[in-house]
PDB file of N, CA and C in Angstrom:
ATOM      1  N   MET A   1     -12.710   2.517  14.262  1.00  0.00           N
ATOM      2  CA  MET A   1     -13.020   1.483  13.256  1.00  0.00           C
ATOM      3  C   MET A   1     -11.735   1.702  12.335  1.00  0.00           C
ATOM      4  N   VAL A   2     -11.570   2.839  11.902  1.00  0.00           N
ATOM      5  CA  VAL A   2     -10.617   3.098  10.844  1.00  0.00           C
ATOM      6  C   VAL A   2      -9.259   2.802  11.306  1.00  0.00           C
ATOM      7  N   VAL A   3      -8.906   3.091  12.522  1.00  0.00           N
ATOM      8  CA  VAL A   3      -7.634   2.889  12.884  1.00  0.00           C
ATOM      9  C   VAL A   3      -7.279   1.362  13.125  1.00  0.00           C
ATOM     10  N   LEU A   4      -8.419   0.656  13.788  1.00  0.00           N
ATOM     11  CA  LEU A   4      -8.260  -0.955  13.822  1.00  0.00           C
ATOM     12  C   LEU A   4      -8.019  -1.385  12.405  1.00  0.00           C
ATOM     13  N   ASP A   5      -8.827  -0.957  11.396  1.00  0.00           N
ATOM     14  CA  ASP A   5      -8.793  -1.574  10.155  1.00  0.00           C
ATOM     15  C   ASP A   5      -7.263  -1.071   9.539  1.00  0.00           C
ATOM     16  N   THR A   6      -6.656  -0.051   9.835  1.00  0.00           N
ATOM     17  CA  THR A   6      -5.441   0.227   9.439  1.00  0.00           C
ATOM     18  C   THR A   6      -4.288  -0.668  10.155  1.00  0.00           C
ATOM     19  N   THR A   7      -4.478  -0.935  11.408  1.00  0.00           N
ATOM     20  CA  THR A   7      -3.772  -1.652  12.044  1.00  0.00           C
ATOM     21  C   THR A   7      -3.391  -3.088  11.600  1.00  0.00           C
ATOM     22  N   ALA A   8      -4.781  -3.549  11.315  1.00  0.00           N
ATOM     23  CA  ALA A   8      -4.858  -4.973  10.977  1.00  0.00           C
ATOM     24  C   ALA A   8      -4.320  -5.013   9.477  1.00  0.00           C
ATOM     25  N   ARG A   9      -4.418  -4.146   8.545  1.00  0.00           N
ATOM     26  CA  ARG A   9      -3.636  -4.235   7.308  1.00  0.00           C
ATOM     27  C   ARG A   9      -2.161  -4.210   7.427  1.00  0.00           C
ATOM     28  N   THR A  10      -1.801  -3.201   8.296  1.00  0.00           N
ATOM     29  CA  THR A  10      -0.266  -3.165   8.540  1.00  0.00           C
ATOM     30  C   THR A  10       0.110  -4.569   9.147  1.00  0.00           C
ATOM     31  N   ALA A  11      -0.591  -5.220  10.114  1.00  0.00           N
ATOM     32  CA  ALA A  11      -0.106  -6.470  10.677  1.00  0.00           C
ATOM     33  C   ALA A  11      -0.075  -7.463   9.415  1.00  0.00           C
ATOM     34  N   VAL A  12      -1.105  -7.604   8.799  1.00  0.00           N
ATOM     35  CA  VAL A  12      -1.188  -8.576   7.677  1.00  0.00           C
ATOM     36  C   VAL A  12      -0.096  -8.284   6.693  1.00  0.00           C
ATOM     37  N   ASP A  13       0.110  -7.012   6.294  1.00  0.00           N
ATOM     38  CA  ASP A  13       1.210  -6.673   5.374  1.00  0.00           C
ATOM     39  C   ASP A  13       2.675  -7.205   5.965  1.00  0.00           C
ATOM     40  N   ALA A  14       2.853  -6.835   7.299  1.00  0.00           N
ATOM     41  CA  ALA A  14       4.086  -7.157   7.954  1.00  0.00           C
ATOM     42  C   ALA A  14       4.272  -8.824   7.974  1.00  0.00           C
ATOM     43  N   ALA A  15       3.088  -9.404   8.101  1.00  0.00           N
ATOM     44  CA  ALA A  15       3.176 -10.972   8.283  1.00  0.00           C
ATOM     45  C   ALA A  15       3.756 -11.413   6.766  1.00  0.00           C
ATOM     46  N   LYS A  16       3.145 -10.951   5.872  1.00  0.00           N
ATOM     47  CA  LYS A  16       3.567 -11.192   4.568  1.00  0.00           C
ATOM     48  C   LYS A  16       4.886 -10.967   4.175  1.00  0.00           C
ATOM     49  N   SER A  17       5.389  -9.779   4.544  1.00  0.00           N
ATOM     50  CA  SER A  17       6.810  -9.404   4.459  1.00  0.00           C
ATOM     51  C   SER A  17       7.656 -10.527   5.208  1.00  0.00           C
ATOM     52  N   ILE A  18       7.270 -10.734   6.205  1.00  0.00           N
ATOM     53  CA  ILE A  18       8.220 -11.720   7.213  1.00  0.00           C
ATOM     54  C   ILE A  18       8.053 -13.248   6.353  1.00  0.00           C
ATOM     55  N   GLY A  19       6.912 -13.461   6.061  1.00  0.00           N
ATOM     56  CA  GLY A  19       6.733 -14.908   5.424  1.00  0.00           C
ATOM     57  C   GLY A  19       7.645 -14.796   4.256  1.00  0.00           C
ATOM     58  N   VAL A  20       7.669 -13.687   3.479  1.00  0.00           N
ATOM     59  CA  VAL A  20       8.372 -13.780   2.107  1.00  0.00           C
ATOM     60  C   VAL A  20      10.010 -13.980   2.394  1.00  0.00           C
ATOM     61  N   HIS A  21      10.401 -12.974   3.408  1.00  0.00           N
ATOM     62  CA  HIS A  21      11.768 -13.093   3.720  1.00  0.00           C
ATOM     63  C   HIS A  21      12.233 -14.423   4.371  1.00  0.00           C
ATOM     64  N   VAL A  22      11.355 -14.980   5.248  1.00  0.00           N
ATOM     65  CA  VAL A  22      11.722 -16.340   5.895  1.00  0.00           C
ATOM     66  C   VAL A  22      11.423 -17.561   4.749  1.00  0.00           C
ATOM     67  N   GLY A  23      10.515 -17.504   4.147  1.00  0.00           N
ATOM     68  CA  GLY A  23      10.161 -18.354   3.405  1.00  0.00           C
ATOM     69  C   GLY A  23      11.113 -18.398   2.149  1.00  0.00           C
TER      70      GLY A  23
END
């Protein structure tokens, strides 16, 4: 569960970073 949580957070953080750069 910890690994999945970390992966989810990383994915969300990456999505935010992409959104900031693209936006």
